Amino acid sequence: MEKQRILIVDDSELVLAMARDALEEAGYEVFAATNGIEANSYIFSKNKPDLIILDVMLPMLDGNKKAKLLREKEFSRQIPIILISSKSEEELVRLTAEAGVDGFIRKPFTNAGIVASVREFLAKAQR
C-alpha cells in the first residue's frame, strides 16, 4: 500500500522537524516547504499531497490566503487543508471559515496530537 503524502508548510525549521518526525513515525510520507511558493512544487506535481498543513503566518503570502488560492484551482480544490498557528482558537475558527479549509491545529502541538489530527482529517476526506 502506498503511503499517504502530507505536505507541511511552515517557516519554522523546528516546527517542520517536529511535525515531520511525528508523521513519518506514524507511517506517512512527509514533504516540507518554508513558504507558499516552495509548496507549489509539491502541490502541482504528479504526486500531489493527500493533505496540506499550512501555517497561517508565512513570508510572502499568509497561509489562509494561500489556502483560498488553492481552493480556486481545479487541481488542488479537493486536497484537505489544515491551518496551523499559535493564534487563538477563536481567530483560527474565523480564519478556517474564511479560507474554506478543513480545520486547524494550534501550536504548540504534541506528536500524538498532530498525528491524531491528520488521521481525522484524512478519514473525513475519504468519506
Protein backbone atom coordinates (compact mmCIF):
# COMPACT_ATOMS: atom_id res chain seq x y z
CA MET A 1 0.00 0.00 0.00
CA GLU A 2 1.28 3.44 -0.91
CA LYS A 3 1.94 5.83 1.97
CA GLN A 4 -0.28 8.88 2.21
CA ARG A 5 1.59 12.09 1.43
CA ILE A 6 1.49 15.06 3.81
CA LEU A 7 2.85 18.50 2.92
CA ILE A 8 3.78 20.76 5.83
CA VAL A 9 4.28 24.45 5.02
CA ASP A 10 5.80 26.44 7.88
CA ASP A 11 8.63 28.97 8.09
CA SER A 12 9.89 27.47 11.36
CA GLU A 13 12.50 24.75 10.87
CA LEU A 14 11.71 23.50 14.38
CA VAL A 15 8.00 23.08 13.62
CA LEU A 16 8.84 21.35 10.32
CA ALA A 17 11.24 18.95 12.02
CA MET A 18 8.86 18.10 14.88
CA ALA A 19 5.87 17.56 12.59
CA ARG A 20 7.91 15.59 10.07
CA ASP A 21 9.32 13.28 12.75
CA ALA A 22 5.91 12.61 14.28
CA LEU A 23 4.17 11.99 10.96
CA GLU A 24 6.93 9.87 9.43
CA GLU A 25 6.97 7.74 12.59
CA ALA A 26 3.20 7.29 12.10
CA GLY A 27 3.82 5.96 8.58
CA TYR A 28 3.20 8.99 6.36
CA GLU A 29 5.41 10.28 3.55
CA VAL A 30 6.15 13.87 4.54
CA PHE A 31 7.29 16.83 2.43
CA ALA A 32 8.20 20.22 3.87
CA ALA A 33 8.23 23.74 2.47
CA THR A 34 9.03 27.05 4.16
CA ASN A 35 6.67 29.22 2.09
CA GLY A 36 3.72 29.01 -0.29
CA ILE A 37 5.80 29.36 -3.43
CA GLU A 38 8.08 26.49 -2.45
CA ALA A 39 4.97 24.45 -1.61
CA ASN A 40 3.76 24.73 -5.22
CA SER A 41 6.47 22.34 -6.40
CA TYR A 42 4.81 19.64 -4.27
CA ILE A 43 1.17 20.65 -4.72
CA PHE A 44 1.25 20.89 -8.50
CA SER A 45 3.22 17.71 -9.11
CA LYS A 46 2.08 14.28 -10.26
CA ASN A 47 2.46 13.13 -6.64
CA LYS A 48 0.36 15.86 -5.06
CA PRO A 49 -0.18 15.62 -1.31
CA ASP A 50 -3.14 13.87 0.25
CA LEU A 51 -3.28 16.62 2.91
CA ILE A 52 -1.65 20.02 3.44
CA ILE A 53 -0.77 21.52 6.83
CA LEU A 54 -0.41 25.25 6.21
CA ASP A 55 0.97 27.82 8.67
CA VAL A 56 -1.12 30.98 8.88
CA MET A 57 1.85 33.35 9.25
CA LEU A 58 4.14 32.74 6.27
CA PRO A 59 6.55 35.04 4.45
CA MET A 60 5.34 36.49 1.14
CA LEU A 61 1.77 35.13 1.36
CA ASP A 62 -0.21 34.22 4.50
CA GLY A 63 -1.33 30.62 4.73
CA ASN A 64 -5.03 31.45 4.80
CA LYS A 65 -4.63 33.47 1.57
CA LYS A 66 -2.65 30.61 0.01
CA ALA A 67 -5.46 28.24 1.01
CA LYS A 68 -8.04 30.44 -0.73
CA LEU A 69 -5.94 30.36 -3.91
CA LEU A 70 -5.64 26.58 -3.73
CA ARG A 71 -9.42 26.27 -3.37
CA GLU A 72 -9.86 28.28 -6.59
CA LYS A 73 -7.79 25.87 -8.69
CA GLU A 74 -9.35 22.67 -10.01
CA PHE A 75 -6.14 20.67 -9.48
CA SER A 76 -5.88 21.49 -5.77
CA ARG A 77 -9.51 22.14 -4.77
CA GLN A 78 -10.10 18.70 -3.24
CA ILE A 79 -6.90 18.46 -1.18
CA PRO A 80 -7.75 18.70 2.54
CA ILE A 81 -6.03 21.72 4.13
CA ILE A 82 -5.42 22.25 7.84
CA LEU A 83 -4.22 25.62 9.10
CA ILE A 84 -1.62 25.60 11.87
CA SER A 85 -0.94 28.56 14.13
CA SER A 86 -0.44 29.81 17.66
CA LYS A 87 -3.33 32.26 17.17
CA SER A 88 -6.32 31.96 19.49
CA GLU A 89 -8.88 29.26 18.83
CA GLU A 90 -11.48 31.96 18.12
CA GLU A 91 -9.22 33.55 15.49
CA LEU A 92 -8.44 30.15 13.93
CA VAL A 93 -12.15 29.30 13.69
CA ARG A 94 -12.68 32.57 11.81
CA LEU A 95 -9.68 32.07 9.51
CA THR A 96 -10.69 28.47 8.79
CA ALA A 97 -14.14 29.59 7.70
CA GLU A 98 -12.81 32.50 5.62
CA ALA A 99 -10.23 30.35 3.82
CA GLY A 100 -12.61 27.44 3.25
CA VAL A 101 -10.24 24.91 4.79
CA ASP A 102 -10.99 21.72 6.66
CA GLY A 103 -9.78 22.66 10.13
CA PHE A 104 -6.85 23.79 12.24
CA ILE A 105 -4.17 22.69 14.66
CA ARG A 106 -2.99 25.01 17.42
CA LYS A 107 0.68 25.45 18.22
CA PRO A 108 2.33 24.20 20.26
CA PHE A 109 1.21 20.71 19.29
CA THR A 110 2.16 17.31 20.61
CA ASN A 111 3.33 14.46 18.40
CA ALA A 112 0.23 12.45 19.28
CA GLY A 113 -1.97 15.49 18.66
CA ILE A 114 -0.71 16.24 15.16
CA VAL A 115 -0.90 12.58 14.16
CA ALA A 116 -4.46 12.30 15.50
CA SER A 117 -5.50 15.47 13.64
CA VAL A 118 -4.01 14.25 10.37
CA ARG A 119 -5.73 10.85 10.72
CA GLU A 120 -9.05 12.54 11.49
CA PHE A 121 -8.93 14.91 8.52
CA LEU A 122 -7.77 12.20 6.11
CA ALA A 123 -10.60 9.93 7.28
CA LYS A 124 -13.15 12.72 6.75
CA ALA A 125 -11.76 13.36 3.25
CA GLN A 126 -12.17 9.70 2.29
CA ARG A 127 -15.87 9.60 3.20
